[in-house]
């Protein structure tokens, strides 16, 4: 029975060094994620390249802030960072409500971030039929998982009050350990697929090897999120596997692994979009890495077929792809001077397009091969379709 006839202790009156470390992790990782997200949005808006993937990152960041706030409140009211024997007698209802909020908010963050990455990859590799179909399939699975997991968390116990007052009402809950394991396994599988797609896109890209490996490396940073997710899963299920290990359950900040996971996911999703900003702010570093050529590394997205910035296409040189190909149809635009040029897609910067026009670059396309070439008709780069 929940105690009601005693004075509730004030969780704000005391703290421990371990709890303070937990707070530092919560706000530190969330603060960096917020900074990186703001830099991404600044880069996209300043280059007029804001897109749906950026809007999804904003939504994920808002949910992450909500998740961190709920995590902070839970740590205070549940006395996380205290030894069990040092926790004052208290009513756990408030802490359980905050935990319920955390569970509901957690999964949509990862799903939305993953959807943002998939949309970004669709821009880069959508010209490949296999890549496009894979991305759409993984995106559909990811969306269904998000809806399913969200409903499972909202209705994990019946009646709702049983989530935070199991001592006061009769009710039932889903098998939470089994649910956490199943969700984690599905997340890891979709993570691995999402990590493979950039390699698939960039592997046969006919550009400087340093550029290719730099692109692959930036996208593979997402593997860190998968590793943190596995660590989090181990921390979650360890008390169920070894009850003795969980006897002093509150003297631990393993709980913060959830906030670390979602915020690292935001970090790694934003980094590829910061490529142009990095070149602008750290030109010396990019030059030392051999990534200073505007035709090689001005931006990640313009390296791709149908995404070459500002490429000028003469009508007589352009072989139109099937009208059923939405990627090709989207980028076909005609100018009044009789030349055909790729109109500024939402993900191409005006500065990049102007540089390529001045360099005299043109892009030709066939149903099987694309080539970026100089006016001398010497192929500068080719892409397998």
Protein backbone atom coordinates (compact mmCIF):
# COMPACT_ATOMS: atom_id res chain seq x y z
CA UNK A 1 0.00 0.00 0.00
CA UNK A 2 1.33 3.38 -0.92
CA UNK A 3 2.20 5.50 2.13
CA UNK A 4 0.01 8.55 2.43
CA UNK A 5 0.14 9.63 6.08
CA UNK A 6 3.72 10.81 6.27
CA UNK A 7 5.68 13.79 5.07
CA UNK A 8 7.17 13.19 1.65
CA UNK A 9 10.93 13.84 1.55
CA UNK A 10 12.11 16.60 -0.77
CA UNK A 11 14.39 15.05 -3.44
CA UNK A 12 15.90 18.49 -4.11
CA UNK A 13 17.39 18.71 -0.64
CA UNK A 14 20.27 16.31 -1.23
CA UNK A 15 22.29 14.69 -3.95
CA UNK A 16 25.37 12.53 -4.44
CA UNK A 17 28.48 12.76 -6.58
CA UNK A 18 27.21 9.86 -8.72
CA UNK A 19 23.88 11.57 -9.33
CA UNK A 20 25.71 14.73 -10.35
CA UNK A 21 27.76 12.70 -12.82
CA UNK A 22 24.51 11.38 -14.25
CA UNK A 23 23.18 14.91 -14.66
CA UNK A 24 26.41 15.93 -16.42
CA UNK A 25 25.97 13.06 -18.88
CA UNK A 26 22.33 13.92 -19.51
CA UNK A 27 22.84 17.62 -20.18
CA UNK A 28 26.27 17.25 -21.77
CA UNK A 29 25.18 14.86 -24.51
CA UNK A 30 21.91 16.70 -25.06
CA UNK A 31 23.73 20.03 -25.24
CA UNK A 32 26.14 18.76 -27.89
CA UNK A 33 23.24 17.27 -29.87
CA UNK A 34 21.43 20.61 -29.72
CA UNK A 35 24.57 22.44 -30.88
CA UNK A 36 25.15 20.04 -33.78
CA UNK A 37 21.49 20.24 -34.79
CA UNK A 38 21.58 24.04 -34.78
CA UNK A 39 24.74 23.99 -36.93
CA UNK A 40 23.04 21.65 -39.37
CA UNK A 41 19.96 23.85 -39.64
CA UNK A 42 22.15 26.96 -40.00
CA UNK A 43 24.13 25.29 -42.78
CA UNK A 44 21.01 24.17 -44.63
CA UNK A 45 19.18 27.48 -44.33
CA UNK A 46 22.24 29.56 -45.28
CA UNK A 47 22.71 27.46 -48.42
CA UNK A 48 18.97 27.27 -49.15
CA UNK A 49 19.04 23.48 -48.87
CA UNK A 50 16.59 22.88 -46.01
CA UNK A 51 14.65 19.68 -46.56
CA UNK A 52 12.39 17.11 -44.95
CA UNK A 53 15.34 15.29 -43.35
CA UNK A 54 16.28 18.52 -41.54
CA UNK A 55 12.71 18.99 -40.31
CA UNK A 56 12.78 15.46 -38.89
CA UNK A 57 16.00 16.23 -37.03
CA UNK A 58 14.30 19.25 -35.44
CA UNK A 59 11.43 17.03 -34.27
CA UNK A 60 13.88 14.45 -32.92
CA UNK A 61 15.81 17.16 -31.08
CA UNK A 62 12.64 18.52 -29.45
CA UNK A 63 11.77 15.00 -28.29
CA UNK A 64 15.33 14.52 -27.04
CA UNK A 65 15.07 17.64 -24.89
CA UNK A 66 11.77 16.31 -23.51
CA UNK A 67 13.43 12.94 -22.89
CA UNK A 68 16.33 14.57 -21.03
CA UNK A 69 13.95 16.64 -18.90
CA UNK A 70 11.95 13.55 -17.97
CA UNK A 71 15.17 11.63 -17.25
CA UNK A 72 16.38 14.39 -14.94
CA UNK A 73 13.09 14.40 -13.02
CA UNK A 74 13.13 10.62 -12.75
CA UNK A 75 16.69 10.60 -11.41
CA UNK A 76 15.70 13.12 -8.73
CA UNK A 77 12.49 11.45 -7.60
CA UNK A 78 13.85 7.88 -7.84
CA UNK A 79 17.07 8.89 -6.07
CA UNK A 80 19.28 7.50 -8.84
CA UNK A 81 22.89 7.71 -7.67
CA UNK A 82 22.03 6.84 -4.06
CA UNK A 83 22.62 3.53 -2.35
CA UNK A 84 19.34 1.74 -1.74
CA UNK A 85 19.81 1.88 2.01
CA UNK A 86 20.30 5.66 1.82
CA UNK A 87 17.04 6.36 -0.02
CA UNK A 88 14.46 7.93 2.30
CA UNK A 89 11.03 6.36 2.58
CA UNK A 90 8.95 7.92 -0.22
CA UNK A 91 6.00 7.41 -2.49
CA UNK A 92 7.37 6.15 -5.86
CA UNK A 93 4.32 7.24 -7.84
CA UNK A 94 5.92 10.43 -9.19
CA UNK A 95 9.11 8.70 -10.30
CA UNK A 96 7.12 5.97 -12.04
CA UNK A 97 5.11 8.57 -13.96
CA UNK A 98 8.35 10.11 -15.23
CA UNK A 99 9.63 6.66 -16.22
CA UNK A 100 6.44 6.06 -18.19
CA UNK A 101 7.04 9.32 -20.10
CA UNK A 102 10.63 8.32 -20.81
CA UNK A 103 9.56 4.97 -22.25
CA UNK A 104 6.95 6.56 -24.49
CA UNK A 105 9.29 9.25 -25.86
CA UNK A 106 12.42 7.11 -26.32
CA UNK A 107 11.64 4.96 -29.34
CA UNK A 108 10.17 7.65 -31.64
CA UNK A 109 13.43 9.64 -31.34
CA UNK A 110 15.55 6.84 -32.81
CA UNK A 111 12.96 6.05 -35.47
CA UNK A 112 12.68 9.69 -36.58
CA UNK A 113 16.46 10.11 -36.71
CA UNK A 114 16.74 6.94 -38.76
CA UNK A 115 14.05 8.20 -41.12
CA UNK A 116 15.99 11.45 -41.56
CA UNK A 117 19.13 9.49 -42.46
CA UNK A 118 17.20 7.36 -44.95
CA UNK A 119 15.78 10.44 -46.68
CA UNK A 120 19.28 11.92 -46.86
CA UNK A 121 20.60 8.67 -48.38
CA UNK A 122 17.70 8.63 -50.83
CA UNK A 123 18.92 11.98 -52.14
CA UNK A 124 22.40 10.56 -52.62
CA UNK A 125 21.68 7.12 -54.01
CA UNK A 126 18.10 7.26 -55.23
CA UNK A 127 19.31 7.04 -58.82
CA UNK A 128 20.18 3.37 -58.20
CA UNK A 129 17.11 1.20 -58.38
CA UNK A 130 18.37 -1.31 -55.83
CA UNK A 131 19.40 1.37 -53.37
CA UNK A 132 16.12 3.24 -53.77
CA UNK A 133 14.03 0.12 -53.19
CA UNK A 134 16.13 -0.89 -50.18
CA UNK A 135 15.80 2.56 -48.60
CA UNK A 136 12.05 2.63 -49.16
CA UNK A 137 11.67 -0.88 -47.72
CA UNK A 138 13.76 -0.09 -44.63
CA UNK A 139 11.90 3.19 -44.24
CA UNK A 140 8.55 1.37 -44.28
CA UNK A 141 9.77 -1.16 -41.70
CA UNK A 142 11.16 1.65 -39.56
CA UNK A 143 7.85 3.55 -39.70
CA UNK A 144 5.83 0.47 -38.78
CA UNK A 145 8.24 -0.29 -35.93
CA UNK A 146 7.89 3.24 -34.62
CA UNK A 147 4.09 3.05 -34.62
CA UNK A 148 4.07 -0.45 -33.13
CA UNK A 149 6.59 0.34 -30.38
CA UNK A 150 4.85 3.60 -29.54
CA UNK A 151 1.49 1.85 -29.13
CA UNK A 152 3.14 -0.94 -27.13
CA UNK A 153 4.65 1.56 -24.72
CA UNK A 154 1.50 3.65 -24.36
CA UNK A 155 -0.62 0.58 -23.65
CA UNK A 156 2.06 -1.50 -21.91
CA UNK A 157 -0.13 -1.83 -18.82
CA UNK A 158 -3.86 -1.93 -18.32
CA UNK A 159 -5.38 0.06 -16.79
CA UNK A 160 -3.06 3.03 -17.34
CA UNK A 161 -2.88 3.77 -13.63
CA UNK A 162 -1.20 0.39 -13.13
CA UNK A 163 1.96 1.90 -14.70
CA UNK A 164 2.56 4.15 -11.70
CA UNK A 165 0.30 2.73 -8.96
CA UNK A 166 0.56 -1.06 -9.20
CA UNK A 167 0.03 -1.35 -5.44
CA UNK A 168 -3.34 0.45 -5.59
CA UNK A 169 -5.09 -1.18 -8.56
CA UNK A 170 -5.28 -4.59 -10.17
CA UNK A 171 -3.86 -4.81 -13.68
CA UNK A 172 -1.50 -6.53 -16.08
CA UNK A 173 1.51 -5.49 -18.17
CA UNK A 174 3.25 -6.84 -21.22
CA UNK A 175 6.41 -8.90 -20.76
CA UNK A 176 8.70 -5.89 -20.63
CA UNK A 177 12.10 -7.69 -20.70
CA UNK A 178 11.02 -9.67 -23.77
CA UNK A 179 9.74 -6.48 -25.40
CA UNK A 180 12.99 -4.61 -24.76
CA UNK A 181 15.06 -7.42 -26.25
CA UNK A 182 12.84 -7.75 -29.34
CA UNK A 183 12.86 -3.99 -29.92
CA UNK A 184 16.63 -3.79 -29.51
CA UNK A 185 17.25 -6.67 -31.93
CA UNK A 186 15.02 -5.08 -34.59
CA UNK A 187 16.72 -1.73 -34.07
CA UNK A 188 20.17 -3.30 -34.52
CA UNK A 189 19.09 -5.07 -37.72
CA UNK A 190 17.71 -1.89 -39.28
CA UNK A 191 20.78 0.04 -38.07
CA UNK A 192 23.08 -2.39 -39.88
CA UNK A 193 21.08 -2.08 -43.10
CA UNK A 194 21.19 1.72 -42.88
CA UNK A 195 24.96 1.55 -42.35
CA UNK A 196 25.43 -0.68 -45.40
CA UNK A 197 23.55 1.64 -47.75
CA UNK A 198 26.20 4.44 -47.79
CA UNK A 199 28.90 1.88 -48.67
CA UNK A 200 26.66 0.64 -51.47
CA UNK A 201 26.21 4.19 -52.73
CA UNK A 202 29.80 5.40 -52.50
CA UNK A 203 31.77 2.26 -53.29
CA UNK A 204 31.78 2.65 -57.08
CA UNK A 205 31.81 6.45 -56.99
CA UNK A 206 34.52 7.61 -59.43
CA UNK A 207 36.05 10.30 -57.24
CA UNK A 208 39.25 10.75 -55.28
CA UNK A 209 39.73 7.79 -52.94
CA UNK A 210 40.17 10.13 -49.99
CA UNK A 211 36.77 11.63 -50.72
CA UNK A 212 35.15 8.21 -51.01
CA UNK A 213 36.59 6.93 -47.73
CA UNK A 214 35.86 10.23 -45.99
CA UNK A 215 32.20 9.93 -47.01
CA UNK A 216 31.98 6.30 -45.92
CA UNK A 217 33.68 7.08 -42.60
CA UNK A 218 31.30 9.95 -41.79
CA UNK A 219 28.26 7.77 -42.39
CA UNK A 220 29.75 4.77 -40.57
CA UNK A 221 29.94 6.86 -37.39
CA UNK A 222 26.32 5.83 -36.98
CA UNK A 223 27.66 2.45 -35.86
CA UNK A 224 28.47 4.12 -32.53
CA UNK A 225 24.74 4.42 -31.90
CA UNK A 226 24.32 0.68 -32.46
CA UNK A 227 27.12 -0.10 -30.00
CA UNK A 228 25.60 2.19 -27.34
CA UNK A 229 22.22 0.57 -27.95
CA UNK A 230 23.70 -2.87 -27.29
CA UNK A 231 25.36 -1.61 -24.08
CA UNK A 232 22.06 -0.10 -22.99
CA UNK A 233 20.28 -3.39 -23.65
CA UNK A 234 22.84 -5.27 -21.53
CA UNK A 235 22.35 -2.79 -18.67
CA UNK A 236 18.57 -3.15 -18.90
CA UNK A 237 18.38 -6.92 -18.79
CA UNK A 238 21.25 -7.60 -16.36
CA UNK A 239 19.05 -7.12 -13.23
CA UNK A 240 16.58 -9.69 -14.63
CA UNK A 241 19.37 -12.19 -15.34
CA UNK A 242 21.19 -11.64 -12.05
CA UNK A 243 18.89 -10.37 -9.27
CA UNK A 244 21.83 -10.05 -6.86
CA UNK A 245 23.53 -7.61 -9.22
CA UNK A 246 20.39 -5.45 -9.20
CA UNK A 247 20.03 -5.40 -5.44
CA UNK A 248 21.60 -1.92 -5.24
CA UNK A 249 19.83 -0.85 -8.43
CA UNK A 250 19.77 2.89 -7.66
CA UNK A 251 23.53 3.28 -7.17
CA UNK A 252 24.22 3.36 -10.88
CA UNK A 253 24.00 5.81 -13.76
CA UNK A 254 23.57 3.12 -16.40
CA UNK A 255 20.09 4.60 -16.77
CA UNK A 256 21.67 7.54 -18.65
CA UNK A 257 22.69 5.21 -21.49
CA UNK A 258 19.27 5.89 -23.02
CA UNK A 259 19.97 9.62 -23.30
CA UNK A 260 23.47 8.89 -24.60
CA UNK A 261 22.06 6.63 -27.31
CA UNK A 262 19.42 9.01 -28.65
CA UNK A 263 21.73 12.02 -28.63
CA UNK A 264 24.63 10.21 -30.31
CA UNK A 265 22.11 9.15 -32.97
CA UNK A 266 21.36 12.84 -33.57
CA UNK A 267 25.09 13.68 -33.66
CA UNK A 268 25.93 11.08 -36.27
CA UNK A 269 22.85 11.91 -38.35
CA UNK A 270 23.87 15.58 -38.50
CA UNK A 271 27.57 15.19 -39.26
CA UNK A 272 27.23 14.33 -43.00
CA UNK A 273 25.13 17.46 -43.52
CA UNK A 274 27.88 19.61 -41.95
CA UNK A 275 30.37 18.84 -44.73
CA UNK A 276 29.97 22.24 -46.51
CA UNK A 277 30.17 24.10 -43.20
CA UNK A 278 33.34 22.21 -42.31
CA UNK A 279 34.99 23.23 -45.57
CA UNK A 280 34.01 26.83 -44.99
CA UNK A 281 35.27 27.00 -41.40
CA UNK A 282 38.28 24.66 -41.64
CA UNK A 283 39.63 24.99 -45.20
CA UNK A 284 43.18 24.20 -44.05
CA UNK A 285 42.16 20.87 -42.55
CA UNK A 286 40.26 19.83 -45.68
CA UNK A 287 43.22 20.92 -47.80
CA UNK A 288 45.63 18.74 -45.81
CA UNK A 289 43.26 15.82 -46.25
CA UNK A 290 43.17 16.38 -49.99
CA UNK A 291 39.50 17.33 -49.88
CA UNK A 292 39.88 20.93 -50.99
CA UNK A 293 38.81 20.58 -54.63
CA UNK A 294 35.35 22.06 -55.14
CA UNK A 295 34.69 19.37 -57.74
CA UNK A 296 35.48 16.66 -55.22
CA UNK A 297 34.37 17.78 -51.81
CA UNK A 298 32.42 21.01 -51.91
CA UNK A 299 29.48 19.13 -50.57
CA UNK A 300 28.54 15.51 -50.06
CA UNK A 301 25.32 15.51 -52.03
CA UNK A 302 26.59 17.24 -55.20
CA UNK A 303 29.02 14.36 -55.71
CA UNK A 304 26.19 12.12 -56.76
CA UNK A 305 24.57 11.54 -60.16
CA UNK A 306 21.63 13.88 -60.81
CA UNK A 307 22.95 15.92 -57.88
CA UNK A 308 25.97 17.49 -59.57
CA UNK A 309 25.75 21.16 -58.59
CA UNK A 310 25.04 23.58 -61.34
CA UNK A 311 25.87 21.18 -64.12
CA UNK A 312 24.89 22.63 -67.51
CA UNK A 313 23.22 20.17 -69.82
CA UNK A 314 22.85 20.94 -73.48
CA UNK A 315 19.66 19.52 -74.87
CA UNK A 316 21.44 17.64 -77.62
CA UNK A 317 23.73 15.93 -75.09
CA UNK A 318 20.96 14.87 -72.74
CA UNK A 319 19.33 11.51 -73.12
CA UNK A 320 16.21 11.64 -71.09
CA UNK A 321 15.64 8.77 -68.74
CA UNK A 322 12.31 7.00 -68.54
CA UNK A 323 9.50 9.37 -67.63
CA UNK A 324 8.59 6.88 -64.93
CA UNK A 325 11.88 7.60 -63.15
CA UNK A 326 10.91 10.21 -60.52
CA UNK A 327 14.53 11.01 -59.69
CA UNK A 328 15.37 11.96 -63.26
CA UNK A 329 12.06 13.69 -63.89
CA UNK A 330 12.41 15.79 -60.76
CA UNK A 331 15.69 17.25 -61.90
CA UNK A 332 14.87 17.98 -65.53
CA UNK A 333 14.30 21.71 -66.05
CA UNK A 334 14.61 23.92 -69.14
CA UNK A 335 16.07 27.42 -69.29
CA UNK A 336 15.02 30.06 -71.80
CA UNK A 337 18.49 30.09 -73.47
CA UNK A 338 17.90 26.61 -74.86
CA UNK A 339 20.23 24.88 -72.45
CA UNK A 340 19.03 22.35 -70.00
CA UNK A 341 20.21 22.69 -66.45
CA UNK A 342 19.44 21.03 -63.17
CA UNK A 343 17.32 23.42 -61.23
CA UNK A 344 18.34 24.11 -57.66
CA UNK A 345 17.08 21.08 -55.83
CA UNK A 346 16.44 21.66 -52.11
CA UNK A 347 19.73 20.00 -51.23
CA UNK A 348 22.13 21.89 -53.55
CA UNK A 349 23.85 25.08 -52.55
CA UNK A 350 23.82 28.08 -54.88
CA UNK A 351 27.51 28.66 -54.27
CA UNK A 352 28.37 25.14 -55.37
CA UNK A 353 26.31 25.41 -58.53
CA UNK A 354 27.92 28.69 -59.51
CA UNK A 355 31.40 27.28 -59.00
CA UNK A 356 30.70 24.33 -61.26
CA UNK A 357 29.17 26.54 -63.95
CA UNK A 358 32.26 28.73 -63.90
CA UNK A 359 34.41 25.62 -64.16
CA UNK A 360 32.51 24.64 -67.32
CA UNK A 361 31.42 21.29 -65.94
CA UNK A 362 28.63 19.44 -67.70
CA UNK A 363 26.77 16.28 -66.88
CA UNK A 364 25.58 13.69 -69.34
CA UNK A 365 23.20 10.88 -68.60
CA UNK A 366 22.20 7.62 -70.17
CA UNK A 367 19.98 4.90 -68.81
CA UNK A 368 23.04 2.98 -67.62
CA UNK A 369 25.86 5.44 -67.00
CA UNK A 370 26.33 8.99 -65.84
CA UNK A 371 29.47 11.03 -66.39
CA UNK A 372 30.66 14.37 -65.19
CA UNK A 373 32.91 15.77 -67.89
CA UNK A 374 34.87 18.84 -68.89
CA UNK A 375 34.21 20.67 -72.19
CA UNK A 376 37.04 18.65 -73.73
CA UNK A 377 34.72 15.62 -73.59
CA UNK A 378 37.24 13.82 -71.39
CA UNK A 379 35.38 11.96 -68.68
CA UNK A 380 36.27 13.31 -65.28
CA UNK A 381 34.14 10.94 -63.29
CA UNK A 382 31.71 8.11 -63.98
CA UNK A 383 28.99 6.45 -61.98
CA UNK A 384 27.52 3.03 -62.45
CA UNK A 385 23.78 3.08 -62.58
